[in-house]
Each structure stands twice: as structure tokens, then as C-alpha cells.
Amino acid sequence: MYQKFQPIEVTKDNELEYLDGIVKLEDTVYENMIKQGKAGQLFTTGREDISEYIHSDNNSVFVMKRTKPPHDVVAATYITQGQIPFTYNDVTKYYKCSEKYMQYVKSQYASEEEYIADLRKAYIKKLTAFIYARDAVLREYCNDIQGLNEDDKNSIFMELVNKEVNNPENNFHEKSKIREYLNKYMSQYMQKNGFTELFEKFYWVGMEYIKSQSKIPVEEQPDIPSKLDSTIQAYDEILRLQKFEIYDRTEGMDEEKYYSANTGNTIELDTYLTSDQEREFGLARIIVFEGIRRVLEKQHLKEKNGPVFLVSTLHRDNLSSKYVSEFFGLKDNVYVKRRVGRNREVHICRIDGGKINEYLEKIQKKLAVLYKYNPNEIELESEEEQRIFEEQLEYEKKELQRLQQLNNSKYDGYIHHKEKKIKRLEQNVERAKSGDKVTIPNAKDEVDFGDK
């Protein structure tokens, strides 16, 4: 079936063979989206950053190339694992910024005394990390900070922060340089000193929260230095400015099962692109699967007992990306304010440690049935094919109904595509029921189960 295309992992050894093709694909897809009135649904990564992904141990880059001349790149994906905690690319943090999460953390302690002790310990360590990170940022911007006292440093630092806050193109959003530097250096400090767990658990804790939880008046708390008054004020203001705004959540979502997600056990489906001419073949799904499988193997996550989480961020109107994410089970999401004019849905799913191989096998079978991608020649009975077709048919019908209820003309193309897809799936369900093995010819109109 897949004689036309071949999935390839791009590494530093074959980078020169594929880098130009990935850049060209990004630019082409981006230009087409602009023409279709979909500005804001994609931001290109660019040659330099793509190359950095290829060379980084934290990323896997896969492409789909034509097997016949001109051997061009028709799809690409970047899969990420192992980001620095609480920096821009750590999307697990959105599930830890609520009062409900703090109540969950508190419930994990045997006594209130132990909880308060860790709460205050974490805050002091965060203050120390903040001082370290603040000074690193000041050296970036002010060069010589020797001779400045704490109050002076905090004053100069907050002036820099407020410049970003008052910049209408910035507003101290997640990718603001100072905000990103601060979180990066604080995370590095906590990792180096062995306090990452406390850092993640109590990241959003400020002095006001400690006051609300502790019965000891703040001025009488012996382990919080009074000489750091201006530092406490500066750090708590940073926390206030960084607080996320959650617009919406998946109805009925069990958030608790995502509280243990962190940058060490989470795989981000960063980007997936397909040429408009080849979208009907499911190429994005295939290389995303190969990327997920590769990261699981490379990071030895399959051998660990804990859960693995898959996450992705996407523009709410980018239905093509929504369908790819949901194909892999990422059906829970929060809708968040991330950057100026760039609000995003953060999709997530959890795979328990003992079920990773089962999950991979399930996706392999879906790809084999729906897209005839079966390089490992998995055997499927007609009953199993029927079940996969029926599950996909139910999903497509629900999505069609959802789009129709939105009553928005901008979704007319998707609605038409869904209606055609549903007819083909109904035909394949009937074929499978009759006991026939469903073999989809190479004809374009017979393999149209794609990304749109």
C-alpha cells in the first residue's frame, strides 16, 4: 500500500538530506493557511530551530518522503520529551494552577503539620532559586550588579518586568524573554539542588497562600527571613503576573489523573504538517505514531512503571490538528491564555505504565485498518476490522453533529468532508460485516480517511 511514501527519522547524520524539504513544507503549508483565512493556526519553526530539534536529545523529527522522484518531503512532525519544568514549552503546568490542584496536593499528606512544613520549605527554596535566577537575568541586561543590595536588585528587576508587562505586544506573556529566562534559571537551580519535586508541587505558592494555610502569623514564622521583604514582594508579584487564565475545560474531565504529569514523563506532539495534496493518506498520523514510538524507546519510558502522558497545543479552529490529536486519544483539554492573541487548547491523555505496549498495538491496528499502513504485517480478523471501522464511524458522526450545531459557514468544508468520509466508513463496515477483508485500492477517492 505505502509504496508511494516512506517514513524517515531525521538525525544529525541525514539532516542535510531533509532539512530544506522540511523548511519548504512549513512555508508552503503556512502560505496556504494564510490564503484560506487561517492565520494564527500555525507558526513556522524555521530552519535554525528545526536543526536544533534534530540535534537535541529531547526531540525526534520524522518526515514522510516520496519514494519516487523528486523524493520530496510531504509530511513532517516534531515530537518533544524532557523540557525544562515550567518554561514556555512545559504544557503540563496548566493542570497544576488551580485551587483544586492545591487541595489534591494537601490531601496527599498524612498530617497538616507535614503539609505546612513542606509548603514553607518549598517557598524558601523557591525564593533562593528566584534570587539566583533574578541575578542571572540582571547580568544579561545590566552587566555589573556587584555592590547592589537586595532592594536595588529587586527594583531594577521589576522595572525590566514592567516594561514587558506594559508593552502591548508582550504583556509579559509566556514567551517573554525575561519570564522565560527566569523560569529556566529557577528550574535549573531547583534541579541542581534536588528540589524539583517540591518546585513542581508548590510552584504557584506565594506568601498569601502560606498565610491562608498556616496558623502562625507570617511575621512570626521563624524560617522565612524578614530581611527578604522586597524579594518576597517581587517574587509574589511575578507569580501574580504569570497566573494562567483558563477559559474552558472538557466537560466532565477528571483533572486529577493528569496531576502527576511533568516534563520527565510527558511526550509533546509539538508539530505535525502535511502537504495539502497528500492529506487524504493519513501521513501525519503515521509519522506522529512513529515519533511517539521512537521517543518511548529512546527515553526508555516503556520500561518504567509510572504513567506516560501525551500532550499537544493547538489553535481552537485548527480542526485538522484536533483530529490528529484525538486519533491518539488526546480528547481532554483546557483552553488557555498563552500569548497575546495566541490562545490555545492544551490536549492531553494518560497511558498507564503497564498499558503502553497495549496502547501502541491499538494505534498500529487503527493505522493498518484505516490507512493500510501495516509495516509489521499485523494480522487482523474481519471482526476486529469491523470494530475499528465502527468506532471511527461513531467518532465521525459525533464530530459532524458538533460542527453542524455550531452553524458557522467557516466549517462548511469540514462538514462536506465528514459527510463523504461517513459514507465510505459505512461501506467499509458493511464489507467487514460480510466477512470480506477490507482492502482499499490506491485510488484517491478510496483512501480519503485523512487529516482534514
Foldseek 3Di string as FASTA:
>chain_A
DVLFKDKDKQAPVCCVVALVLVQVQQVQVQVVCVVLVNPLFDDDCDSVNVVVQRHDLFKIKMFMFTPDPPRGTFKIFIKGFQDQWPAQPKPLLVLCQDPVLLVVLCVVDPDLVVVLVLLVVLAVLLLVLLVQLLVVVCCVPPVDPPPPDLLRSLVVSVVVVVVQCPPLQGNVFRVDPSNNSSSRSSSVSCVVVVNNVSCSSNVLDAPVVSCVSDPDPPVPDPPPDPVCVSSSVSVNVSSVSHRKDWDDWDPPDPSVVSSPDTSNQEMEREDMGGHPVPQQQARRLVNVLVRVVVSCVSSVLLVDQAKHKYKYKGDPPPQLVVVSCVLLPQPIWIWIDGTVVNIITITMDIDGNVCPVVSSVVSQVLCCLQNVPHPVPDDDFLVRSLVSLVVVLVVLVVVLVVVVVVVDPSCVVVNVLSVLLNVLSVVSNVCSVVRHRDDFDPDSSRRRPGRD
